[in-house]
All heavy atoms as atom14 arrays in JSON, in Angstrom:
{
  "sequence": "LIALLIVLAIVLRDVDANPGNTIVRGIHEGANFFAGAFTGLITFNG",
  "atom14_mask": [
    [1, 1, 1, 1, 1, 1, 1, 1, 0, 0, 0, 0, 0, 0],
    [1, 1, 1, 1, 1, 1, 1, 1, 0, 0, 0, 0, 0, 0],
    [1, 1, 1, 1, 1, 0, 0, 0, 0, 0, 0, 0, 0, 0],
    [1, 1, 1, 1, 1, 1, 1, 1, 0, 0, 0, 0, 0, 0],
    [1, 1, 1, 1, 1, 1, 1, 1, 0, 0, 0, 0, 0, 0],
    [1, 1, 1, 1, 1, 1, 1, 1, 0, 0, 0, 0, 0, 0],
    [1, 1, 1, 1, 1, 1, 1, 0, 0, 0, 0, 0, 0, 0],
    [1, 1, 1, 1, 1, 1, 1, 1, 0, 0, 0, 0, 0, 0],
    [1, 1, 1, 1, 1, 0, 0, 0, 0, 0, 0, 0, 0, 0],
    [1, 1, 1, 1, 1, 1, 1, 1, 0, 0, 0, 0, 0, 0],
    [1, 1, 1, 1, 1, 1, 1, 0, 0, 0, 0, 0, 0, 0],
    [1, 1, 1, 1, 1, 1, 1, 1, 0, 0, 0, 0, 0, 0],
    [1, 1, 1, 1, 1, 1, 1, 1, 1, 1, 1, 0, 0, 0],
    [1, 1, 1, 1, 1, 1, 1, 1, 0, 0, 0, 0, 0, 0],
    [1, 1, 1, 1, 1, 1, 1, 0, 0, 0, 0, 0, 0, 0],
    [1, 1, 1, 1, 1, 1, 1, 1, 0, 0, 0, 0, 0, 0],
    [1, 1, 1, 1, 1, 0, 0, 0, 0, 0, 0, 0, 0, 0],
    [1, 1, 1, 1, 1, 1, 1, 1, 0, 0, 0, 0, 0, 0],
    [1, 1, 1, 1, 1, 1, 1, 0, 0, 0, 0, 0, 0, 0],
    [1, 1, 1, 1, 0, 0, 0, 0, 0, 0, 0, 0, 0, 0],
    [1, 1, 1, 1, 1, 1, 1, 1, 0, 0, 0, 0, 0, 0],
    [1, 1, 1, 1, 1, 1, 1, 0, 0, 0, 0, 0, 0, 0],
    [1, 1, 1, 1, 1, 1, 1, 1, 0, 0, 0, 0, 0, 0],
    [1, 1, 1, 1, 1, 1, 1, 0, 0, 0, 0, 0, 0, 0],
    [1, 1, 1, 1, 1, 1, 1, 1, 1, 1, 1, 0, 0, 0],
    [1, 1, 1, 1, 0, 0, 0, 0, 0, 0, 0, 0, 0, 0],
    [1, 1, 1, 1, 1, 1, 1, 1, 0, 0, 0, 0, 0, 0],
    [1, 1, 1, 1, 1, 1, 1, 1, 1, 1, 0, 0, 0, 0],
    [1, 1, 1, 1, 1, 1, 1, 1, 1, 0, 0, 0, 0, 0],
    [1, 1, 1, 1, 0, 0, 0, 0, 0, 0, 0, 0, 0, 0],
    [1, 1, 1, 1, 1, 0, 0, 0, 0, 0, 0, 0, 0, 0],
    [1, 1, 1, 1, 1, 1, 1, 1, 0, 0, 0, 0, 0, 0],
    [1, 1, 1, 1, 1, 1, 1, 1, 1, 1, 1, 0, 0, 0],
    [1, 1, 1, 1, 1, 1, 1, 1, 1, 1, 1, 0, 0, 0],
    [1, 1, 1, 1, 1, 0, 0, 0, 0, 0, 0, 0, 0, 0],
    [1, 1, 1, 1, 0, 0, 0, 0, 0, 0, 0, 0, 0, 0],
    [1, 1, 1, 1, 1, 0, 0, 0, 0, 0, 0, 0, 0, 0],
    [1, 1, 1, 1, 1, 1, 1, 1, 1, 1, 1, 0, 0, 0],
    [1, 1, 1, 1, 1, 1, 1, 0, 0, 0, 0, 0, 0, 0],
    [1, 1, 1, 1, 0, 0, 0, 0, 0, 0, 0, 0, 0, 0],
    [1, 1, 1, 1, 1, 1, 1, 1, 0, 0, 0, 0, 0, 0],
    [1, 1, 1, 1, 1, 1, 1, 1, 0, 0, 0, 0, 0, 0],
    [1, 1, 1, 1, 1, 1, 1, 0, 0, 0, 0, 0, 0, 0],
    [1, 1, 1, 1, 1, 1, 1, 1, 1, 1, 1, 0, 0, 0],
    [1, 1, 1, 1, 1, 1, 1, 1, 0, 0, 0, 0, 0, 0],
    [1, 1, 1, 1, 0, 0, 0, 0, 0, 0, 0, 0, 0, 0]
  ],
  "atom14_positions": [
    [[0.82, -1.16, 0.0], [0.0, -0.04, 0.02], [0.86, 1.31, 0.01], [0.47, 2.27, -0.71], [-0.94, -0.03, 1.22], [-2.09, -1.03, 1.19], [-2.93, -1.01, 2.5], [-3.03, -0.67, -0.05], [0.0, 0.0, 0.0], [0.0, 0.0, 0.0], [0.0, 0.0, 0.0], [0.0, 0.0, 0.0], [0.0, 0.0, 0.0], [0.0, 0.0, 0.0]],
    [[1.96, 1.21, 0.72], [2.9, 2.43, 0.68], [3.44, 2.59, -0.63], [3.46, 3.76, -1.15], [3.98, 2.21, 1.79], [3.37, 2.26, 3.15], [5.09, 3.28, 1.56], [4.36, 1.91, 4.29], [0.0, 0.0, 0.0], [0.0, 0.0, 0.0], [0.0, 0.0, 0.0], [0.0, 0.0, 0.0], [0.0, 0.0, 0.0], [0.0, 0.0, 0.0]],
    [[3.88, 1.51, -1.36], [4.48, 1.65, -2.69], [3.41, 2.07, -3.65], [3.75, 2.92, -4.57], [4.99, 0.22, -3.05], [0.0, 0.0, 0.0], [0.0, 0.0, 0.0], [0.0, 0.0, 0.0], [0.0, 0.0, 0.0], [0.0, 0.0, 0.0], [0.0, 0.0, 0.0], [0.0, 0.0, 0.0], [0.0, 0.0, 0.0], [0.0, 0.0, 0.0]],
    [[2.2, 1.7, -3.49], [1.11, 2.08, -4.43], [0.83, 3.65, -4.18], [0.63, 4.38, -5.18], [-0.14, 1.32, -4.14], [-0.19, -0.05, -4.73], [-1.47, -0.77, -4.31], [-0.07, 0.0, -6.27], [0.0, 0.0, 0.0], [0.0, 0.0, 0.0], [0.0, 0.0, 0.0], [0.0, 0.0, 0.0], [0.0, 0.0, 0.0], [0.0, 0.0, 0.0]],
    [[0.88, 4.07, -2.92], [0.77, 5.47, -2.68], [1.82, 6.34, -3.38], [1.57, 7.41, -4.03], [0.72, 5.78, -1.17], [0.67, 7.24, -0.69], [-0.73, 7.76, -0.97], [1.09, 7.31, 0.75], [0.0, 0.0, 0.0], [0.0, 0.0, 0.0], [0.0, 0.0, 0.0], [0.0, 0.0, 0.0], [0.0, 0.0, 0.0], [0.0, 0.0, 0.0]],
    [[3.04, 5.9, -3.26], [4.16, 6.58, -3.84], [3.99, 6.59, -5.31], [4.2, 7.61, -6.05], [5.52, 5.86, -3.46], [5.69, 6.13, -1.95], [6.71, 6.48, -4.26], [6.87, 5.34, -1.33], [0.0, 0.0, 0.0], [0.0, 0.0, 0.0], [0.0, 0.0, 0.0], [0.0, 0.0, 0.0], [0.0, 0.0, 0.0], [0.0, 0.0, 0.0]],
    [[3.66, 5.4, -6.02], [3.48, 5.42, -7.42], [2.36, 6.23, -7.91], [2.43, 6.93, -8.89], [3.24, 3.9, -7.93], [2.8, 3.83, -9.33], [4.53, 3.18, -7.65], [0.0, 0.0, 0.0], [0.0, 0.0, 0.0], [0.0, 0.0, 0.0], [0.0, 0.0, 0.0], [0.0, 0.0, 0.0], [0.0, 0.0, 0.0], [0.0, 0.0, 0.0]],
    [[1.22, 6.33, -7.11], [0.12, 7.14, -7.39], [0.53, 8.65, -7.37], [0.17, 9.44, -8.25], [-1.05, 6.9, -6.52], [-2.3, 7.78, -6.74], [-2.88, 7.48, -8.13], [-3.34, 7.46, -5.68], [0.0, 0.0, 0.0], [0.0, 0.0, 0.0], [0.0, 0.0, 0.0], [0.0, 0.0, 0.0], [0.0, 0.0, 0.0], [0.0, 0.0, 0.0]],
    [[1.38, 9.05, -6.39], [1.87, 10.39, -6.38], [2.75, 10.75, -7.53], [2.7, 11.82, -8.09], [2.66, 10.62, -5.06], [0.0, 0.0, 0.0], [0.0, 0.0, 0.0], [0.0, 0.0, 0.0], [0.0, 0.0, 0.0], [0.0, 0.0, 0.0], [0.0, 0.0, 0.0], [0.0, 0.0, 0.0], [0.0, 0.0, 0.0], [0.0, 0.0, 0.0]],
    [[3.56, 9.79, -7.97], [4.44, 9.99, -9.16], [3.53, 10.23, -10.33], [3.75, 11.2, -11.18], [5.32, 8.73, -9.35], [6.36, 8.69, -8.27], [5.99, 8.79, -10.76], [7.18, 7.36, -8.36], [0.0, 0.0, 0.0], [0.0, 0.0, 0.0], [0.0, 0.0, 0.0], [0.0, 0.0, 0.0], [0.0, 0.0, 0.0], [0.0, 0.0, 0.0]],
    [[2.45, 9.36, -10.56], [1.63, 9.52, -11.72], [0.9, 10.85, -11.69], [0.8, 11.57, -12.63], [0.58, 8.34, -11.75], [-0.5, 8.6, -12.75], [1.33, 7.12, -12.07], [0.0, 0.0, 0.0], [0.0, 0.0, 0.0], [0.0, 0.0, 0.0], [0.0, 0.0, 0.0], [0.0, 0.0, 0.0], [0.0, 0.0, 0.0], [0.0, 0.0, 0.0]],
    [[0.4, 11.27, -10.49], [-0.3, 12.51, -10.37], [0.68, 13.66, -10.72], [0.21, 14.73, -11.36], [-0.95, 12.7, -9.06], [-2.2, 11.81, -8.76], [-2.6, 11.9, -7.25], [-3.28, 12.1, -9.73], [0.0, 0.0, 0.0], [0.0, 0.0, 0.0], [0.0, 0.0, 0.0], [0.0, 0.0, 0.0], [0.0, 0.0, 0.0], [0.0, 0.0, 0.0]],
    [[1.92, 13.6, -10.29], [2.9, 14.64, -10.51], [3.17, 14.74, -12.06], [3.37, 15.75, -12.63], [4.09, 14.46, -9.69], [5.22, 15.36, -10.06], [5.22, 16.58, -9.18], [6.44, 17.3, -9.43], [7.0, 18.11, -8.61], [6.54, 18.17, -7.41], [8.05, 18.81, -8.99], [0.0, 0.0, 0.0], [0.0, 0.0, 0.0], [0.0, 0.0, 0.0]],
    [[3.31, 13.59, -12.68], [3.74, 13.48, -14.03], [2.68, 13.94, -14.98], [2.92, 14.38, -16.07], [4.2, 12.04, -14.4], [5.56, 11.75, -13.88], [6.24, 12.71, -13.39], [5.93, 10.57, -13.87], [0.0, 0.0, 0.0], [0.0, 0.0, 0.0], [0.0, 0.0, 0.0], [0.0, 0.0, 0.0], [0.0, 0.0, 0.0], [0.0, 0.0, 0.0]],
    [[1.38, 13.8, -14.68], [0.25, 14.22, -15.52], [-0.17, 15.63, -15.15], [-1.11, 16.12, -15.64], [-1.0, 13.36, -15.4], [-0.52, 11.87, -15.91], [-1.62, 13.21, -14.12], [0.0, 0.0, 0.0], [0.0, 0.0, 0.0], [0.0, 0.0, 0.0], [0.0, 0.0, 0.0], [0.0, 0.0, 0.0], [0.0, 0.0, 0.0], [0.0, 0.0, 0.0]],
    [[0.6, 16.29, -14.32], [0.3, 17.71, -13.86], [-1.05, 17.89, -13.23], [-1.88, 18.75, -13.59], [0.43, 18.72, -15.08], [1.85, 18.7, -15.57], [2.85, 18.7, -14.67], [2.16, 18.87, -16.78], [0.0, 0.0, 0.0], [0.0, 0.0, 0.0], [0.0, 0.0, 0.0], [0.0, 0.0, 0.0], [0.0, 0.0, 0.0], [0.0, 0.0, 0.0]],
    [[-1.48, 16.97, -12.31], [-2.62, 17.1, -11.59], [-2.61, 18.39, -10.72], [-1.59, 18.86, -10.37], [-2.85, 15.88, -10.71], [0.0, 0.0, 0.0], [0.0, 0.0, 0.0], [0.0, 0.0, 0.0], [0.0, 0.0, 0.0], [0.0, 0.0, 0.0], [0.0, 0.0, 0.0], [0.0, 0.0, 0.0], [0.0, 0.0, 0.0], [0.0, 0.0, 0.0]],
    [[-3.81, 19.0, -10.45], [-3.84, 20.25, -9.77], [-3.36, 20.1, -8.36], [-4.01, 19.39, -7.5], [-5.35, 20.67, -9.77], [-5.61, 21.98, -9.06], [-4.63, 22.68, -8.68], [-6.78, 22.37, -8.8], [0.0, 0.0, 0.0], [0.0, 0.0, 0.0], [0.0, 0.0, 0.0], [0.0, 0.0, 0.0], [0.0, 0.0, 0.0], [0.0, 0.0, 0.0]],
    [[-2.22, 20.69, -8.02], [-1.71, 20.49, -6.67], [-2.53, 21.27, -5.53], [-2.34, 20.98, -4.42], [-0.32, 21.14, -6.73], [-0.28, 21.97, -7.98], [-1.34, 21.47, -8.83], [0.0, 0.0, 0.0], [0.0, 0.0, 0.0], [0.0, 0.0, 0.0], [0.0, 0.0, 0.0], [0.0, 0.0, 0.0], [0.0, 0.0, 0.0], [0.0, 0.0, 0.0]],
    [[-3.45, 22.09, -6.02], [-4.37, 22.77, -5.06], [-5.51, 21.86, -4.59], [-6.16, 22.23, -3.65], [0.0, 0.0, 0.0], [0.0, 0.0, 0.0], [0.0, 0.0, 0.0], [0.0, 0.0, 0.0], [0.0, 0.0, 0.0], [0.0, 0.0, 0.0], [0.0, 0.0, 0.0], [0.0, 0.0, 0.0], [0.0, 0.0, 0.0], [0.0, 0.0, 0.0]],
    [[-5.8, 20.79, -5.34], [-6.84, 19.88, -4.98], [-6.49, 19.16, -3.68], [-5.35, 18.72, -3.54], [-6.99, 18.89, -6.13], [-8.14, 17.94, -5.89], [-8.22, 17.25, -4.86], [-9.04, 17.92, -6.87], [0.0, 0.0, 0.0], [0.0, 0.0, 0.0], [0.0, 0.0, 0.0], [0.0, 0.0, 0.0], [0.0, 0.0, 0.0], [0.0, 0.0, 0.0]],
    [[-7.5, 19.0, -2.84], [-7.23, 18.43, -1.48], [-6.78, 17.02, -1.64], [-5.89, 16.54, -0.83], [-8.52, 18.48, -0.65], [-8.98, 19.84, -0.68], [-8.34, 18.02, 0.76], [0.0, 0.0, 0.0], [0.0, 0.0, 0.0], [0.0, 0.0, 0.0], [0.0, 0.0, 0.0], [0.0, 0.0, 0.0], [0.0, 0.0, 0.0], [0.0, 0.0, 0.0]],
    [[-7.35, 16.15, -2.45], [-6.93, 14.81, -2.58], [-5.54, 14.66, -3.21], [-4.79, 13.86, -2.67], [-8.0, 14.1, -3.53], [-9.38, 14.0, -2.86], [-7.55, 12.63, -3.86], [-10.48, 13.52, -3.73], [0.0, 0.0, 0.0], [0.0, 0.0, 0.0], [0.0, 0.0, 0.0], [0.0, 0.0, 0.0], [0.0, 0.0, 0.0], [0.0, 0.0, 0.0]],
    [[-5.22, 15.45, -4.19], [-3.91, 15.39, -4.81], [-2.86, 15.88, -3.78], [-1.86, 15.18, -3.61], [-3.86, 16.23, -6.1], [-2.44, 16.32, -6.62], [-4.85, 15.73, -7.14], [0.0, 0.0, 0.0], [0.0, 0.0, 0.0], [0.0, 0.0, 0.0], [0.0, 0.0, 0.0], [0.0, 0.0, 0.0], [0.0, 0.0, 0.0], [0.0, 0.0, 0.0]],
    [[-3.21, 16.87, -3.06], [-2.22, 17.36, -2.06], [-2.04, 16.37, -0.95], [-1.01, 16.13, -0.52], [-2.74, 18.68, -1.44], [-1.8, 19.32, -0.51], [-2.27, 20.63, 0.06], [-3.76, 20.61, -0.17], [-4.55, 21.6, 0.02], [-4.02, 22.75, 0.33], [-5.8, 21.58, -0.22], [0.0, 0.0, 0.0], [0.0, 0.0, 0.0], [0.0, 0.0, 0.0]],
    [[-3.16, 15.71, -0.49], [-2.99, 14.66, 0.55], [-2.19, 13.43, 0.02], [-1.3, 12.87, 0.9], [0.0, 0.0, 0.0], [0.0, 0.0, 0.0], [0.0, 0.0, 0.0], [0.0, 0.0, 0.0], [0.0, 0.0, 0.0], [0.0, 0.0, 0.0], [0.0, 0.0, 0.0], [0.0, 0.0, 0.0], [0.0, 0.0, 0.0], [0.0, 0.0, 0.0]],
    [[-2.38, 13.06, -1.18], [-1.55, 11.9, -1.76], [-0.04, 12.36, -1.8], [0.84, 11.51, -1.46], [-2.06, 11.51, -3.17], [-3.45, 10.84, -2.98], [-1.16, 10.64, -3.83], [-4.18, 10.57, -4.21], [0.0, 0.0, 0.0], [0.0, 0.0, 0.0], [0.0, 0.0, 0.0], [0.0, 0.0, 0.0], [0.0, 0.0, 0.0], [0.0, 0.0, 0.0]],
    [[0.22, 13.49, -2.28], [1.61, 13.98, -2.33], [2.22, 14.07, -0.98], [3.39, 13.78, -0.8], [1.73, 15.38, -3.14], [1.64, 15.25, -4.51], [1.12, 16.2, -5.31], [2.0, 14.26, -5.35], [1.18, 15.86, -6.66], [1.73, 14.63, -6.66], [0.0, 0.0, 0.0], [0.0, 0.0, 0.0], [0.0, 0.0, 0.0], [0.0, 0.0, 0.0]],
    [[1.52, 14.58, 0.08], [2.07, 14.7, 1.39], [2.28, 13.32, 2.01], [3.31, 13.12, 2.64], [1.04, 15.53, 2.25], [1.05, 16.94, 1.92], [-0.05, 17.72, 2.77], [-0.72, 17.12, 3.55], [-0.1, 18.99, 2.53], [0.0, 0.0, 0.0], [0.0, 0.0, 0.0], [0.0, 0.0, 0.0], [0.0, 0.0, 0.0], [0.0, 0.0, 0.0]],
    [[1.32, 12.39, 1.73], [1.55, 11.0, 2.19], [2.76, 10.38, 1.55], [3.61, 9.71, 2.26], [0.0, 0.0, 0.0], [0.0, 0.0, 0.0], [0.0, 0.0, 0.0], [0.0, 0.0, 0.0], [0.0, 0.0, 0.0], [0.0, 0.0, 0.0], [0.0, 0.0, 0.0], [0.0, 0.0, 0.0], [0.0, 0.0, 0.0], [0.0, 0.0, 0.0]],
    [[2.87, 10.55, 0.26], [4.04, 9.91, -0.42], [5.36, 10.59, 0.01], [6.41, 9.96, 0.13], [3.84, 10.13, -1.94], [0.0, 0.0, 0.0], [0.0, 0.0, 0.0], [0.0, 0.0, 0.0], [0.0, 0.0, 0.0], [0.0, 0.0, 0.0], [0.0, 0.0, 0.0], [0.0, 0.0, 0.0], [0.0, 0.0, 0.0], [0.0, 0.0, 0.0]],
    [[5.31, 11.95, 0.23], [6.52, 12.69, 0.7], [6.89, 12.21, 2.11], [8.08, 12.05, 2.41], [6.28, 14.1, 0.66], [7.53, 14.88, 0.96], [8.56, 14.49, 0.41], [7.44, 16.01, 1.67], [0.0, 0.0, 0.0], [0.0, 0.0, 0.0], [0.0, 0.0, 0.0], [0.0, 0.0, 0.0], [0.0, 0.0, 0.0], [0.0, 0.0, 0.0]],
    [[5.89, 11.81, 2.92], [6.19, 11.27, 4.26], [7.08, 10.01, 4.1], [8.04, 9.75, 4.86], [4.94, 11.08, 5.03], [5.14, 10.4, 6.38], [5.59, 11.19, 7.47], [4.92, 9.09, 6.57], [5.8, 10.64, 8.68], [5.19, 8.5, 7.77], [5.59, 9.26, 8.9], [0.0, 0.0, 0.0], [0.0, 0.0, 0.0], [0.0, 0.0, 0.0]],
    [[6.68, 9.04, 3.27], [7.35, 7.78, 3.13], [8.55, 7.95, 2.23], [9.51, 7.14, 2.4], [6.37, 6.73, 2.56], [5.29, 6.4, 3.58], [3.92, 6.77, 3.32], [5.57, 5.7, 4.78], [3.03, 6.32, 4.29], [4.63, 5.34, 5.66], [3.28, 5.7, 5.44], [0.0, 0.0, 0.0], [0.0, 0.0, 0.0], [0.0, 0.0, 0.0]],
    [[8.52, 8.74, 1.19], [9.67, 8.8, 0.16], [10.48, 9.99, 0.25], [11.38, 10.17, -0.57], [9.1, 8.47, -1.19], [0.0, 0.0, 0.0], [0.0, 0.0, 0.0], [0.0, 0.0, 0.0], [0.0, 0.0, 0.0], [0.0, 0.0, 0.0], [0.0, 0.0, 0.0], [0.0, 0.0, 0.0], [0.0, 0.0, 0.0], [0.0, 0.0, 0.0]],
    [[10.21, 10.94, 1.27], [10.91, 12.12, 1.34], [12.41, 12.03, 1.49], [13.14, 12.81, 0.99], [0.0, 0.0, 0.0], [0.0, 0.0, 0.0], [0.0, 0.0, 0.0], [0.0, 0.0, 0.0], [0.0, 0.0, 0.0], [0.0, 0.0, 0.0], [0.0, 0.0, 0.0], [0.0, 0.0, 0.0], [0.0, 0.0, 0.0], [0.0, 0.0, 0.0]],
    [[12.9, 10.94, 2.17], [14.29, 10.69, 2.34], [14.93, 10.3, 1.03], [16.18, 10.48, 0.92], [14.49, 9.58, 3.4], [0.0, 0.0, 0.0], [0.0, 0.0, 0.0], [0.0, 0.0, 0.0], [0.0, 0.0, 0.0], [0.0, 0.0, 0.0], [0.0, 0.0, 0.0], [0.0, 0.0, 0.0], [0.0, 0.0, 0.0], [0.0, 0.0, 0.0]],
    [[14.28, 9.87, 0.09], [14.9, 9.53, -1.24], [14.95, 10.69, -2.18], [15.54, 10.61, -3.25], [14.08, 8.38, -1.83], [14.19, 7.09, -1.17], [13.28, 6.81, -0.12], [15.14, 6.16, -1.54], [13.42, 5.58, 0.55], [15.27, 4.99, -0.81], [14.38, 4.66, 0.22], [0.0, 0.0, 0.0], [0.0, 0.0, 0.0], [0.0, 0.0, 0.0]],
    [[14.28, 11.89, -1.82], [14.25, 13.06, -2.72], [15.64, 13.58, -2.76], [16.36, 13.76, -1.75], [13.29, 14.11, -2.12], [12.04, 13.5, -2.03], [13.2, 15.33, -3.01], [0.0, 0.0, 0.0], [0.0, 0.0, 0.0], [0.0, 0.0, 0.0], [0.0, 0.0, 0.0], [0.0, 0.0, 0.0], [0.0, 0.0, 0.0], [0.0, 0.0, 0.0]],
    [[16.13, 13.91, -3.95], [17.47, 14.41, -4.19], [18.6, 13.33, -4.33], [19.71, 13.61, -4.42], [0.0, 0.0, 0.0], [0.0, 0.0, 0.0], [0.0, 0.0, 0.0], [0.0, 0.0, 0.0], [0.0, 0.0, 0.0], [0.0, 0.0, 0.0], [0.0, 0.0, 0.0], [0.0, 0.0, 0.0], [0.0, 0.0, 0.0], [0.0, 0.0, 0.0]],
    [[18.14, 12.12, -4.38], [19.01, 11.01, -4.56], [19.8, 11.06, -5.92], [21.01, 10.88, -5.97], [18.3, 9.71, -4.38], [18.99, 8.46, -4.19], [19.79, 8.42, -2.84], [18.13, 7.25, -4.16], [0.0, 0.0, 0.0], [0.0, 0.0, 0.0], [0.0, 0.0, 0.0], [0.0, 0.0, 0.0], [0.0, 0.0, 0.0], [0.0, 0.0, 0.0]],
    [[18.97, 11.32, -6.94], [19.55, 11.4, -8.32], [19.19, 12.8, -8.91], [18.0, 13.25, -8.67], [19.1, 10.25, -9.15], [19.53, 8.99, -8.71], [19.51, 10.47, -10.65], [19.06, 7.78, -9.37], [0.0, 0.0, 0.0], [0.0, 0.0, 0.0], [0.0, 0.0, 0.0], [0.0, 0.0, 0.0], [0.0, 0.0, 0.0], [0.0, 0.0, 0.0]],
    [[20.12, 13.38, -9.64], [19.75, 14.75, -10.17], [19.92, 14.69, -11.69], [20.79, 14.01, -12.25], [20.75, 15.79, -9.56], [22.03, 15.41, -9.93], [20.56, 16.0, -8.16], [0.0, 0.0, 0.0], [0.0, 0.0, 0.0], [0.0, 0.0, 0.0], [0.0, 0.0, 0.0], [0.0, 0.0, 0.0], [0.0, 0.0, 0.0], [0.0, 0.0, 0.0]],
    [[18.98, 15.38, -12.4], [18.99, 15.63, -13.74], [18.92, 17.13, -13.92], [18.06, 17.73, -13.49], [17.79, 14.86, -14.47], [17.82, 13.38, -14.38], [16.83, 12.8, -13.54], [18.62, 12.66, -15.12], [16.91, 11.39, -13.42], [18.64, 11.29, -15.1], [17.66, 10.65, -14.25], [0.0, 0.0, 0.0], [0.0, 0.0, 0.0], [0.0, 0.0, 0.0]],
    [[19.85, 17.63, -14.67], [19.88, 19.16, -14.9], [18.66, 19.57, -15.65], [18.36, 19.18, -16.81], [21.15, 19.48, -15.71], [22.4, 19.29, -14.83], [22.32, 19.43, -13.59], [23.49, 19.13, -15.46], [0.0, 0.0, 0.0], [0.0, 0.0, 0.0], [0.0, 0.0, 0.0], [0.0, 0.0, 0.0], [0.0, 0.0, 0.0], [0.0, 0.0, 0.0]],
    [[17.84, 20.38, -15.06], [16.66, 21.02, -15.72], [15.46, 20.1, -15.77], [14.53, 20.43, -16.43], [0.0, 0.0, 0.0], [0.0, 0.0, 0.0], [0.0, 0.0, 0.0], [0.0, 0.0, 0.0], [0.0, 0.0, 0.0], [0.0, 0.0, 0.0], [0.0, 0.0, 0.0], [0.0, 0.0, 0.0], [0.0, 0.0, 0.0], [0.0, 0.0, 0.0]]
  ]
}
């Protein structure tokens, strides 16, 4: 379930879902809670 939450947040971010939406924001916050430590692991310029 945690992995599915993270994948769902990735998909919502990639399709440019409205970040002001309560559901989208909740999914991103939940995924950031579990995957936040991995942010910045790999960098691509731009």
